[in-house]
All heavy atoms as atom14 arrays in JSON, in Angstrom:
{
  "sequence": "AGTLVAIRPEVTIDVALYWHQWKLGSGIDAPADDGAANARPGLMEQI",
  "atom14_mask": [
    [1, 1, 1, 1, 1, 0, 0, 0, 0, 0, 0, 0, 0, 0],
    [1, 1, 1, 1, 0, 0, 0, 0, 0, 0, 0, 0, 0, 0],
    [1, 1, 1, 1, 1, 1, 1, 0, 0, 0, 0, 0, 0, 0],
    [1, 1, 1, 1, 1, 1, 1, 1, 0, 0, 0, 0, 0, 0],
    [1, 1, 1, 1, 1, 1, 1, 0, 0, 0, 0, 0, 0, 0],
    [1, 1, 1, 1, 1, 0, 0, 0, 0, 0, 0, 0, 0, 0],
    [1, 1, 1, 1, 1, 1, 1, 1, 0, 0, 0, 0, 0, 0],
    [1, 1, 1, 1, 1, 1, 1, 1, 1, 1, 1, 0, 0, 0],
    [1, 1, 1, 1, 1, 1, 1, 0, 0, 0, 0, 0, 0, 0],
    [1, 1, 1, 1, 1, 1, 1, 1, 1, 0, 0, 0, 0, 0],
    [1, 1, 1, 1, 1, 1, 1, 0, 0, 0, 0, 0, 0, 0],
    [1, 1, 1, 1, 1, 1, 1, 0, 0, 0, 0, 0, 0, 0],
    [1, 1, 1, 1, 1, 1, 1, 1, 0, 0, 0, 0, 0, 0],
    [1, 1, 1, 1, 1, 1, 1, 1, 0, 0, 0, 0, 0, 0],
    [1, 1, 1, 1, 1, 1, 1, 0, 0, 0, 0, 0, 0, 0],
    [1, 1, 1, 1, 1, 0, 0, 0, 0, 0, 0, 0, 0, 0],
    [1, 1, 1, 1, 1, 1, 1, 1, 0, 0, 0, 0, 0, 0],
    [1, 1, 1, 1, 1, 1, 1, 1, 1, 1, 1, 1, 0, 0],
    [1, 1, 1, 1, 1, 1, 1, 1, 1, 1, 1, 1, 1, 1],
    [1, 1, 1, 1, 1, 1, 1, 1, 1, 1, 0, 0, 0, 0],
    [1, 1, 1, 1, 1, 1, 1, 1, 1, 0, 0, 0, 0, 0],
    [1, 1, 1, 1, 1, 1, 1, 1, 1, 1, 1, 1, 1, 1],
    [1, 1, 1, 1, 1, 1, 1, 1, 1, 0, 0, 0, 0, 0],
    [1, 1, 1, 1, 1, 1, 1, 1, 0, 0, 0, 0, 0, 0],
    [1, 1, 1, 1, 0, 0, 0, 0, 0, 0, 0, 0, 0, 0],
    [1, 1, 1, 1, 1, 1, 0, 0, 0, 0, 0, 0, 0, 0],
    [1, 1, 1, 1, 0, 0, 0, 0, 0, 0, 0, 0, 0, 0],
    [1, 1, 1, 1, 1, 1, 1, 1, 0, 0, 0, 0, 0, 0],
    [1, 1, 1, 1, 1, 1, 1, 1, 0, 0, 0, 0, 0, 0],
    [1, 1, 1, 1, 1, 0, 0, 0, 0, 0, 0, 0, 0, 0],
    [1, 1, 1, 1, 1, 1, 1, 0, 0, 0, 0, 0, 0, 0],
    [1, 1, 1, 1, 1, 0, 0, 0, 0, 0, 0, 0, 0, 0],
    [1, 1, 1, 1, 1, 1, 1, 1, 0, 0, 0, 0, 0, 0],
    [1, 1, 1, 1, 1, 1, 1, 1, 0, 0, 0, 0, 0, 0],
    [1, 1, 1, 1, 0, 0, 0, 0, 0, 0, 0, 0, 0, 0],
    [1, 1, 1, 1, 1, 0, 0, 0, 0, 0, 0, 0, 0, 0],
    [1, 1, 1, 1, 1, 0, 0, 0, 0, 0, 0, 0, 0, 0],
    [1, 1, 1, 1, 1, 1, 1, 1, 0, 0, 0, 0, 0, 0],
    [1, 1, 1, 1, 1, 0, 0, 0, 0, 0, 0, 0, 0, 0],
    [1, 1, 1, 1, 1, 1, 1, 1, 1, 1, 1, 0, 0, 0],
    [1, 1, 1, 1, 1, 1, 1, 0, 0, 0, 0, 0, 0, 0],
    [1, 1, 1, 1, 0, 0, 0, 0, 0, 0, 0, 0, 0, 0],
    [1, 1, 1, 1, 1, 1, 1, 1, 0, 0, 0, 0, 0, 0],
    [1, 1, 1, 1, 1, 1, 1, 1, 0, 0, 0, 0, 0, 0],
    [1, 1, 1, 1, 1, 1, 1, 1, 1, 0, 0, 0, 0, 0],
    [1, 1, 1, 1, 1, 1, 1, 1, 1, 0, 0, 0, 0, 0],
    [1, 1, 1, 1, 1, 1, 1, 1, 0, 0, 0, 0, 0, 0]
  ],
  "atom14_positions": [
    [[-47.8, 15.14, -36.12], [-47.63, 15.73, -34.81], [-48.71, 15.28, -33.84], [-48.54, 15.57, -32.63], [-47.58, 17.24, -34.94], [0.0, 0.0, 0.0], [0.0, 0.0, 0.0], [0.0, 0.0, 0.0], [0.0, 0.0, 0.0], [0.0, 0.0, 0.0], [0.0, 0.0, 0.0], [0.0, 0.0, 0.0], [0.0, 0.0, 0.0], [0.0, 0.0, 0.0]],
    [[-49.74, 14.64, -34.35], [-50.88, 14.17, -33.44], [-51.82, 15.29, -33.06], [-52.74, 15.07, -32.25], [0.0, 0.0, 0.0], [0.0, 0.0, 0.0], [0.0, 0.0, 0.0], [0.0, 0.0, 0.0], [0.0, 0.0, 0.0], [0.0, 0.0, 0.0], [0.0, 0.0, 0.0], [0.0, 0.0, 0.0], [0.0, 0.0, 0.0], [0.0, 0.0, 0.0]],
    [[-51.71, 16.43, -33.72], [-52.73, 17.52, -33.48], [-54.04, 17.36, -34.21], [-54.97, 17.98, -33.92], [-52.05, 18.88, -33.72], [-51.58, 18.86, -35.04], [-50.96, 19.2, -32.81], [0.0, 0.0, 0.0], [0.0, 0.0, 0.0], [0.0, 0.0, 0.0], [0.0, 0.0, 0.0], [0.0, 0.0, 0.0], [0.0, 0.0, 0.0], [0.0, 0.0, 0.0]],
    [[-53.98, 16.5, -35.26], [-55.12, 16.1, -35.97], [-55.2, 14.65, -36.12], [-54.1, 13.99, -36.14], [-55.22, 16.74, -37.37], [-55.52, 18.19, -37.49], [-55.43, 18.67, -38.91], [-56.89, 18.65, -36.8], [0.0, 0.0, 0.0], [0.0, 0.0, 0.0], [0.0, 0.0, 0.0], [0.0, 0.0, 0.0], [0.0, 0.0, 0.0], [0.0, 0.0, 0.0]],
    [[-56.38, 14.04, -36.27], [-56.53, 12.6, -36.52], [-57.39, 12.48, -37.79], [-58.32, 13.3, -37.9], [-57.11, 11.83, -35.32], [-56.15, 11.9, -34.1], [-58.47, 12.43, -34.9], [0.0, 0.0, 0.0], [0.0, 0.0, 0.0], [0.0, 0.0, 0.0], [0.0, 0.0, 0.0], [0.0, 0.0, 0.0], [0.0, 0.0, 0.0], [0.0, 0.0, 0.0]],
    [[-57.17, 11.41, -38.48], [-57.98, 11.18, -39.63], [-59.29, 10.47, -39.26], [-59.38, 9.61, -38.35], [-57.25, 10.26, -40.61], [0.0, 0.0, 0.0], [0.0, 0.0, 0.0], [0.0, 0.0, 0.0], [0.0, 0.0, 0.0], [0.0, 0.0, 0.0], [0.0, 0.0, 0.0], [0.0, 0.0, 0.0], [0.0, 0.0, 0.0], [0.0, 0.0, 0.0]],
    [[-60.34, 10.91, -39.93], [-61.73, 10.39, -39.69], [-62.06, 9.5, -40.98], [-62.01, 10.06, -42.1], [-62.72, 11.45, -39.44], [-62.36, 12.26, -38.24], [-64.17, 10.87, -39.29], [-63.21, 13.49, -38.01], [0.0, 0.0, 0.0], [0.0, 0.0, 0.0], [0.0, 0.0, 0.0], [0.0, 0.0, 0.0], [0.0, 0.0, 0.0], [0.0, 0.0, 0.0]],
    [[-62.46, 8.3, -40.65], [-62.69, 7.38, -41.81], [-61.63, 7.49, -42.89], [-61.89, 7.81, -44.0], [-64.12, 7.72, -42.41], [-65.28, 7.55, -41.46], [-66.08, 6.34, -41.9], [-67.35, 6.22, -41.09], [-68.56, 5.97, -41.68], [-68.7, 5.85, -42.94], [-69.48, 5.76, -40.83], [0.0, 0.0, 0.0], [0.0, 0.0, 0.0], [0.0, 0.0, 0.0]],
    [[-60.37, 7.14, -42.55], [-59.27, 7.36, -43.48], [-59.39, 6.6, -44.79], [-58.79, 6.89, -45.8], [-58.09, 6.84, -42.68], [-58.61, 6.06, -41.61], [-60.01, 6.56, -41.27], [0.0, 0.0, 0.0], [0.0, 0.0, 0.0], [0.0, 0.0, 0.0], [0.0, 0.0, 0.0], [0.0, 0.0, 0.0], [0.0, 0.0, 0.0], [0.0, 0.0, 0.0]],
    [[-60.26, 5.58, -44.8], [-60.49, 4.79, -46.05], [-61.31, 5.63, -47.08], [-61.39, 5.25, -48.27], [-61.12, 3.46, -45.69], [-62.66, 3.6, -45.39], [-62.93, 3.97, -44.03], [-61.99, 4.32, -43.19], [-64.18, 4.04, -43.63], [0.0, 0.0, 0.0], [0.0, 0.0, 0.0], [0.0, 0.0, 0.0], [0.0, 0.0, 0.0], [0.0, 0.0, 0.0]],
    [[-61.97, 6.77, -46.61], [-62.79, 7.5, -47.47], [-61.98, 8.75, -47.93], [-61.61, 9.58, -47.08], [-64.12, 7.91, -46.79], [-64.96, 8.8, -47.75], [-64.92, 6.77, -46.3], [0.0, 0.0, 0.0], [0.0, 0.0, 0.0], [0.0, 0.0, 0.0], [0.0, 0.0, 0.0], [0.0, 0.0, 0.0], [0.0, 0.0, 0.0], [0.0, 0.0, 0.0]],
    [[-61.69, 8.82, -49.23], [-60.93, 9.92, -49.66], [-61.54, 10.43, -50.97], [-62.29, 9.74, -51.63], [-59.45, 9.52, -50.0], [-59.47, 8.56, -51.05], [-58.74, 9.04, -48.77], [0.0, 0.0, 0.0], [0.0, 0.0, 0.0], [0.0, 0.0, 0.0], [0.0, 0.0, 0.0], [0.0, 0.0, 0.0], [0.0, 0.0, 0.0], [0.0, 0.0, 0.0]],
    [[-61.25, 11.73, -51.35], [-61.73, 12.26, -52.61], [-60.48, 12.82, -53.31], [-59.7, 13.52, -52.79], [-62.66, 13.46, -52.4], [-64.0, 12.91, -51.73], [-62.95, 14.13, -53.66], [-65.0, 14.0, -51.46], [0.0, 0.0, 0.0], [0.0, 0.0, 0.0], [0.0, 0.0, 0.0], [0.0, 0.0, 0.0], [0.0, 0.0, 0.0], [0.0, 0.0, 0.0]],
    [[-60.3, 12.27, -54.52], [-59.16, 12.72, -55.38], [-59.65, 13.65, -56.5], [-60.53, 13.28, -57.3], [-58.52, 11.47, -55.99], [-57.74, 10.56, -55.05], [-57.54, 11.04, -53.89], [-57.39, 9.43, -55.36], [0.0, 0.0, 0.0], [0.0, 0.0, 0.0], [0.0, 0.0, 0.0], [0.0, 0.0, 0.0], [0.0, 0.0, 0.0], [0.0, 0.0, 0.0]],
    [[-59.14, 14.84, -56.47], [-59.55, 15.87, -57.39], [-58.52, 16.08, -58.42], [-57.29, 16.43, -58.12], [-59.77, 17.24, -56.64], [-60.12, 18.36, -57.66], [-60.94, 17.09, -55.64], [0.0, 0.0, 0.0], [0.0, 0.0, 0.0], [0.0, 0.0, 0.0], [0.0, 0.0, 0.0], [0.0, 0.0, 0.0], [0.0, 0.0, 0.0], [0.0, 0.0, 0.0]],
    [[-58.84, 15.91, -59.7], [-57.9, 15.99, -60.78], [-57.73, 17.54, -61.14], [-58.81, 18.28, -61.25], [-58.45, 15.3, -62.13], [0.0, 0.0, 0.0], [0.0, 0.0, 0.0], [0.0, 0.0, 0.0], [0.0, 0.0, 0.0], [0.0, 0.0, 0.0], [0.0, 0.0, 0.0], [0.0, 0.0, 0.0], [0.0, 0.0, 0.0], [0.0, 0.0, 0.0]],
    [[-56.49, 17.97, -61.23], [-56.22, 19.44, -61.54], [-55.56, 19.52, -62.9], [-54.74, 18.6, -63.27], [-55.35, 20.0, -60.49], [-55.97, 20.06, -59.06], [-54.92, 20.61, -58.03], [-57.2, 20.92, -59.08], [0.0, 0.0, 0.0], [0.0, 0.0, 0.0], [0.0, 0.0, 0.0], [0.0, 0.0, 0.0], [0.0, 0.0, 0.0], [0.0, 0.0, 0.0]],
    [[-55.76, 20.63, -63.55], [-55.21, 20.81, -64.91], [-54.68, 22.26, -65.01], [-55.23, 23.22, -64.28], [-56.26, 20.67, -65.98], [-56.92, 19.3, -65.99], [-57.95, 18.98, -65.16], [-56.37, 18.36, -66.86], [-58.52, 17.73, -65.13], [-56.92, 17.03, -66.83], [-58.03, 16.76, -65.96], [-58.59, 15.47, -65.96], [0.0, 0.0, 0.0], [0.0, 0.0, 0.0]],
    [[-53.64, 22.53, -65.77], [-53.07, 23.82, -66.04], [-53.47, 24.25, -67.4], [-53.28, 23.62, -68.37], [-51.58, 23.77, -65.97], [-50.94, 25.03, -66.51], [-50.15, 25.12, -67.57], [-51.01, 26.37, -65.9], [-49.74, 26.44, -67.77], [-50.27, 27.3, -66.72], [-51.59, 26.91, -64.81], [-50.1, 28.63, -66.49], [-51.56, 28.17, -64.52], [-50.78, 29.05, -65.36]],
    [[-54.24, 25.37, -67.4], [-54.68, 26.04, -68.68], [-53.88, 27.31, -68.88], [-53.7, 28.12, -67.92], [-56.16, 26.42, -68.56], [-57.05, 25.21, -68.46], [-57.76, 24.69, -69.47], [-57.29, 24.38, -67.39], [-58.49, 23.66, -69.0], [-58.22, 23.51, -67.67], [0.0, 0.0, 0.0], [0.0, 0.0, 0.0], [0.0, 0.0, 0.0], [0.0, 0.0, 0.0]],
    [[-53.56, 27.59, -70.09], [-52.92, 28.93, -70.47], [-53.2, 29.27, -71.93], [-53.49, 28.4, -72.78], [-51.46, 28.97, -70.18], [-50.58, 28.14, -71.14], [-49.14, 28.18, -70.88], [-48.7, 27.62, -69.84], [-48.36, 28.79, -71.83], [0.0, 0.0, 0.0], [0.0, 0.0, 0.0], [0.0, 0.0, 0.0], [0.0, 0.0, 0.0], [0.0, 0.0, 0.0]],
    [[-53.22, 30.62, -72.17], [-53.38, 31.05, -73.53], [-52.16, 30.72, -74.32], [-51.03, 30.81, -73.81], [-53.66, 32.6, -73.53], [-54.98, 32.92, -72.99], [-55.27, 33.46, -71.78], [-56.31, 32.76, -73.58], [-56.55, 33.64, -71.51], [-57.2, 33.21, -72.65], [-56.58, 32.29, -74.87], [-58.58, 33.21, -72.98], [-58.05, 32.28, -75.15], [-58.94, 32.78, -74.28]],
    [[-52.37, 30.4, -75.61], [-51.27, 30.13, -76.41], [-50.67, 31.51, -76.86], [-51.27, 32.26, -77.54], [-51.71, 29.36, -77.79], [-52.23, 27.97, -77.44], [-52.85, 27.37, -78.74], [-53.4, 26.06, -78.47], [-54.07, 25.49, -79.67], [0.0, 0.0, 0.0], [0.0, 0.0, 0.0], [0.0, 0.0, 0.0], [0.0, 0.0, 0.0], [0.0, 0.0, 0.0]],
    [[-49.42, 31.68, -76.53], [-48.81, 32.93, -76.82], [-47.51, 32.8, -77.72], [-46.72, 33.63, -77.93], [-48.32, 33.6, -75.5], [-49.39, 33.96, -74.49], [-48.81, 34.59, -73.28], [-50.38, 34.95, -75.15], [0.0, 0.0, 0.0], [0.0, 0.0, 0.0], [0.0, 0.0, 0.0], [0.0, 0.0, 0.0], [0.0, 0.0, 0.0], [0.0, 0.0, 0.0]],
    [[-47.32, 31.57, -78.28], [-46.07, 31.31, -78.97], [-45.05, 30.89, -78.05], [-45.25, 30.68, -76.88], [0.0, 0.0, 0.0], [0.0, 0.0, 0.0], [0.0, 0.0, 0.0], [0.0, 0.0, 0.0], [0.0, 0.0, 0.0], [0.0, 0.0, 0.0], [0.0, 0.0, 0.0], [0.0, 0.0, 0.0], [0.0, 0.0, 0.0], [0.0, 0.0, 0.0]],
    [[-43.78, 30.69, -78.52], [-42.7, 30.11, -77.75], [-41.65, 31.15, -77.49], [-40.52, 30.86, -77.48], [-42.15, 28.91, -78.4], [-41.72, 29.22, -79.78], [0.0, 0.0, 0.0], [0.0, 0.0, 0.0], [0.0, 0.0, 0.0], [0.0, 0.0, 0.0], [0.0, 0.0, 0.0], [0.0, 0.0, 0.0], [0.0, 0.0, 0.0], [0.0, 0.0, 0.0]],
    [[-42.01, 32.37, -77.29], [-40.93, 33.38, -77.0], [-40.42, 33.97, -78.2], [-40.87, 33.77, -79.36], [0.0, 0.0, 0.0], [0.0, 0.0, 0.0], [0.0, 0.0, 0.0], [0.0, 0.0, 0.0], [0.0, 0.0, 0.0], [0.0, 0.0, 0.0], [0.0, 0.0, 0.0], [0.0, 0.0, 0.0], [0.0, 0.0, 0.0], [0.0, 0.0, 0.0]],
    [[-39.37, 34.79, -78.15], [-38.75, 35.36, -79.3], [-37.95, 34.28, -80.01], [-37.12, 33.69, -79.47], [-37.79, 36.52, -78.81], [-38.6, 37.55, -78.06], [-37.17, 37.19, -80.01], [-39.75, 38.14, -78.68], [0.0, 0.0, 0.0], [0.0, 0.0, 0.0], [0.0, 0.0, 0.0], [0.0, 0.0, 0.0], [0.0, 0.0, 0.0], [0.0, 0.0, 0.0]],
    [[-38.18, 34.17, -81.29], [-37.57, 33.15, -82.14], [-36.07, 33.37, -82.17], [-35.64, 34.52, -82.24], [-38.13, 33.15, -83.52], [-39.49, 32.67, -83.6], [-39.9, 31.9, -82.64], [-40.21, 32.98, -84.54], [0.0, 0.0, 0.0], [0.0, 0.0, 0.0], [0.0, 0.0, 0.0], [0.0, 0.0, 0.0], [0.0, 0.0, 0.0], [0.0, 0.0, 0.0]],
    [[-35.29, 32.27, -82.07], [-33.85, 32.3, -82.32], [-33.48, 32.57, -83.76], [-34.35, 32.28, -84.63], [-33.26, 31.0, -81.77], [0.0, 0.0, 0.0], [0.0, 0.0, 0.0], [0.0, 0.0, 0.0], [0.0, 0.0, 0.0], [0.0, 0.0, 0.0], [0.0, 0.0, 0.0], [0.0, 0.0, 0.0], [0.0, 0.0, 0.0], [0.0, 0.0, 0.0]],
    [[-32.32, 33.05, -84.11], [-31.93, 33.16, -85.54], [-32.1, 31.77, -86.21], [-31.92, 30.73, -85.66], [-30.54, 33.58, -85.43], [-30.39, 34.18, -84.06], [-31.29, 33.47, -83.23], [0.0, 0.0, 0.0], [0.0, 0.0, 0.0], [0.0, 0.0, 0.0], [0.0, 0.0, 0.0], [0.0, 0.0, 0.0], [0.0, 0.0, 0.0], [0.0, 0.0, 0.0]],
    [[-32.42, 31.85, -87.53], [-32.76, 30.67, -88.26], [-31.53, 29.67, -88.2], [-31.71, 28.46, -88.17], [-33.07, 31.01, -89.73], [0.0, 0.0, 0.0], [0.0, 0.0, 0.0], [0.0, 0.0, 0.0], [0.0, 0.0, 0.0], [0.0, 0.0, 0.0], [0.0, 0.0, 0.0], [0.0, 0.0, 0.0], [0.0, 0.0, 0.0], [0.0, 0.0, 0.0]],
    [[-30.26, 30.18, -88.3], [-29.16, 29.2, -88.29], [-28.87, 28.56, -86.94], [-28.11, 27.65, -86.82], [-27.91, 29.89, -88.8], [-27.49, 31.07, -87.95], [-28.4, 31.5, -87.09], [-26.4, 31.59, -88.08], [0.0, 0.0, 0.0], [0.0, 0.0, 0.0], [0.0, 0.0, 0.0], [0.0, 0.0, 0.0], [0.0, 0.0, 0.0], [0.0, 0.0, 0.0]],
    [[-29.53, 29.11, -85.87], [-29.4, 28.45, -84.6], [-30.4, 27.33, -84.31], [-30.25, 26.53, -83.43], [-29.58, 29.52, -83.4], [-28.3, 30.43, -83.35], [-27.29, 30.03, -83.85], [-28.47, 31.54, -82.84], [0.0, 0.0, 0.0], [0.0, 0.0, 0.0], [0.0, 0.0, 0.0], [0.0, 0.0, 0.0], [0.0, 0.0, 0.0], [0.0, 0.0, 0.0]],
    [[-31.46, 27.38, -85.09], [-32.5, 26.37, -84.84], [-33.55, 26.83, -83.97], [-33.3, 27.47, -82.95], [0.0, 0.0, 0.0], [0.0, 0.0, 0.0], [0.0, 0.0, 0.0], [0.0, 0.0, 0.0], [0.0, 0.0, 0.0], [0.0, 0.0, 0.0], [0.0, 0.0, 0.0], [0.0, 0.0, 0.0], [0.0, 0.0, 0.0], [0.0, 0.0, 0.0]],
    [[-34.84, 26.67, -84.32], [-35.92, 26.99, -83.45], [-35.86, 26.36, -82.1], [-36.35, 26.93, -81.15], [-37.26, 26.67, -84.15], [0.0, 0.0, 0.0], [0.0, 0.0, 0.0], [0.0, 0.0, 0.0], [0.0, 0.0, 0.0], [0.0, 0.0, 0.0], [0.0, 0.0, 0.0], [0.0, 0.0, 0.0], [0.0, 0.0, 0.0], [0.0, 0.0, 0.0]],
    [[-35.23, 25.19, -81.98], [-35.24, 24.49, -80.65], [-34.44, 25.26, -79.66], [-34.59, 25.04, -78.38], [-34.59, 23.13, -80.83], [0.0, 0.0, 0.0], [0.0, 0.0, 0.0], [0.0, 0.0, 0.0], [0.0, 0.0, 0.0], [0.0, 0.0, 0.0], [0.0, 0.0, 0.0], [0.0, 0.0, 0.0], [0.0, 0.0, 0.0], [0.0, 0.0, 0.0]],
    [[-33.59, 26.2, -80.1], [-32.76, 26.96, -79.19], [-33.52, 28.24, -78.67], [-32.85, 29.03, -77.88], [-31.45, 27.44, -79.84], [-30.61, 26.22, -80.13], [-30.63, 25.26, -79.4], [-29.85, 26.28, -81.26], [0.0, 0.0, 0.0], [0.0, 0.0, 0.0], [0.0, 0.0, 0.0], [0.0, 0.0, 0.0], [0.0, 0.0, 0.0], [0.0, 0.0, 0.0]],
    [[-34.73, 28.51, -79.17], [-35.42, 29.68, -78.74], [-35.74, 29.66, -77.27], [-36.02, 28.55, -76.77], [-36.7, 29.83, -79.46], [0.0, 0.0, 0.0], [0.0, 0.0, 0.0], [0.0, 0.0, 0.0], [0.0, 0.0, 0.0], [0.0, 0.0, 0.0], [0.0, 0.0, 0.0], [0.0, 0.0, 0.0], [0.0, 0.0, 0.0], [0.0, 0.0, 0.0]],
    [[-35.63, 30.73, -76.5], [-35.9, 30.65, -75.09], [-37.42, 30.67, -74.87], [-38.12, 31.39, -75.48], [-35.34, 32.02, -74.45], [-35.44, 31.99, -72.92], [-34.79, 33.35, -72.51], [-34.76, 33.31, -71.08], [-34.34, 34.43, -70.27], [-34.0, 35.57, -70.94], [-34.34, 34.38, -68.96], [0.0, 0.0, 0.0], [0.0, 0.0, 0.0], [0.0, 0.0, 0.0]],
    [[-37.9, 29.77, -74.02], [-39.37, 29.69, -73.79], [-39.9, 30.97, -73.31], [-39.24, 31.75, -72.59], [-39.52, 28.55, -72.73], [-38.24, 27.79, -72.85], [-37.18, 28.72, -73.23], [0.0, 0.0, 0.0], [0.0, 0.0, 0.0], [0.0, 0.0, 0.0], [0.0, 0.0, 0.0], [0.0, 0.0, 0.0], [0.0, 0.0, 0.0], [0.0, 0.0, 0.0]],
    [[-41.1, 31.33, -73.68], [-41.8, 32.53, -73.15], [-42.07, 32.38, -71.72], [-42.07, 31.37, -71.18], [0.0, 0.0, 0.0], [0.0, 0.0, 0.0], [0.0, 0.0, 0.0], [0.0, 0.0, 0.0], [0.0, 0.0, 0.0], [0.0, 0.0, 0.0], [0.0, 0.0, 0.0], [0.0, 0.0, 0.0], [0.0, 0.0, 0.0], [0.0, 0.0, 0.0]],
    [[-42.42, 33.57, -71.14], [-42.68, 33.54, -69.63], [-43.83, 32.58, -69.28], [-43.75, 31.85, -68.32], [-42.94, 34.92, -69.19], [-41.67, 35.87, -69.13], [-42.08, 37.23, -68.88], [-40.76, 35.38, -68.08], [0.0, 0.0, 0.0], [0.0, 0.0, 0.0], [0.0, 0.0, 0.0], [0.0, 0.0, 0.0], [0.0, 0.0, 0.0], [0.0, 0.0, 0.0]],
    [[-44.94, 32.61, -70.01], [-46.08, 31.84, -69.69], [-45.72, 30.34, -69.86], [-46.17, 29.5, -69.12], [-47.28, 32.18, -70.55], [-47.95, 33.57, -70.16], [-48.36, 33.56, -68.36], [-49.46, 32.19, -68.18], [0.0, 0.0, 0.0], [0.0, 0.0, 0.0], [0.0, 0.0, 0.0], [0.0, 0.0, 0.0], [0.0, 0.0, 0.0], [0.0, 0.0, 0.0]],
    [[-44.9, 30.04, -70.86], [-44.45, 28.63, -71.06], [-43.57, 28.27, -69.78], [-43.71, 27.12, -69.29], [-43.67, 28.55, -72.29], [-44.51, 28.45, -73.53], [-45.06, 29.84, -73.89], [-44.49, 30.8, -73.59], [-46.18, 29.85, -74.58], [0.0, 0.0, 0.0], [0.0, 0.0, 0.0], [0.0, 0.0, 0.0], [0.0, 0.0, 0.0], [0.0, 0.0, 0.0]],
    [[-42.75, 29.14, -69.32], [-41.93, 28.82, -68.19], [-42.82, 28.65, -66.94], [-42.53, 27.76, -66.08], [-40.93, 29.95, -67.96], [-39.79, 30.0, -68.96], [-38.69, 30.9, -68.58], [-38.2, 30.93, -67.48], [-38.3, 31.73, -69.57], [0.0, 0.0, 0.0], [0.0, 0.0, 0.0], [0.0, 0.0, 0.0], [0.0, 0.0, 0.0], [0.0, 0.0, 0.0]],
    [[-43.81, 29.49, -66.77], [-44.7, 29.36, -65.64], [-45.43, 27.99, -65.73], [-45.51, 27.33, -64.7], [-45.66, 30.53, -65.61], [-44.99, 31.81, -65.36], [-46.85, 30.26, -64.56], [-45.87, 33.03, -65.54], [0.0, 0.0, 0.0], [0.0, 0.0, 0.0], [0.0, 0.0, 0.0], [0.0, 0.0, 0.0], [0.0, 0.0, 0.0], [0.0, 0.0, 0.0]]
  ]
}
């Protein structure tokens, strides 16, 4: 929009970010005959 201008645009800082979470398992397990892969992910896993 032209309301800001870059100063020394060749100078940048790139900050690496990471997601951390407690291991809580993978939600309520599906029945054995359905296969564990069908278990619904837990809320923290979804987040």
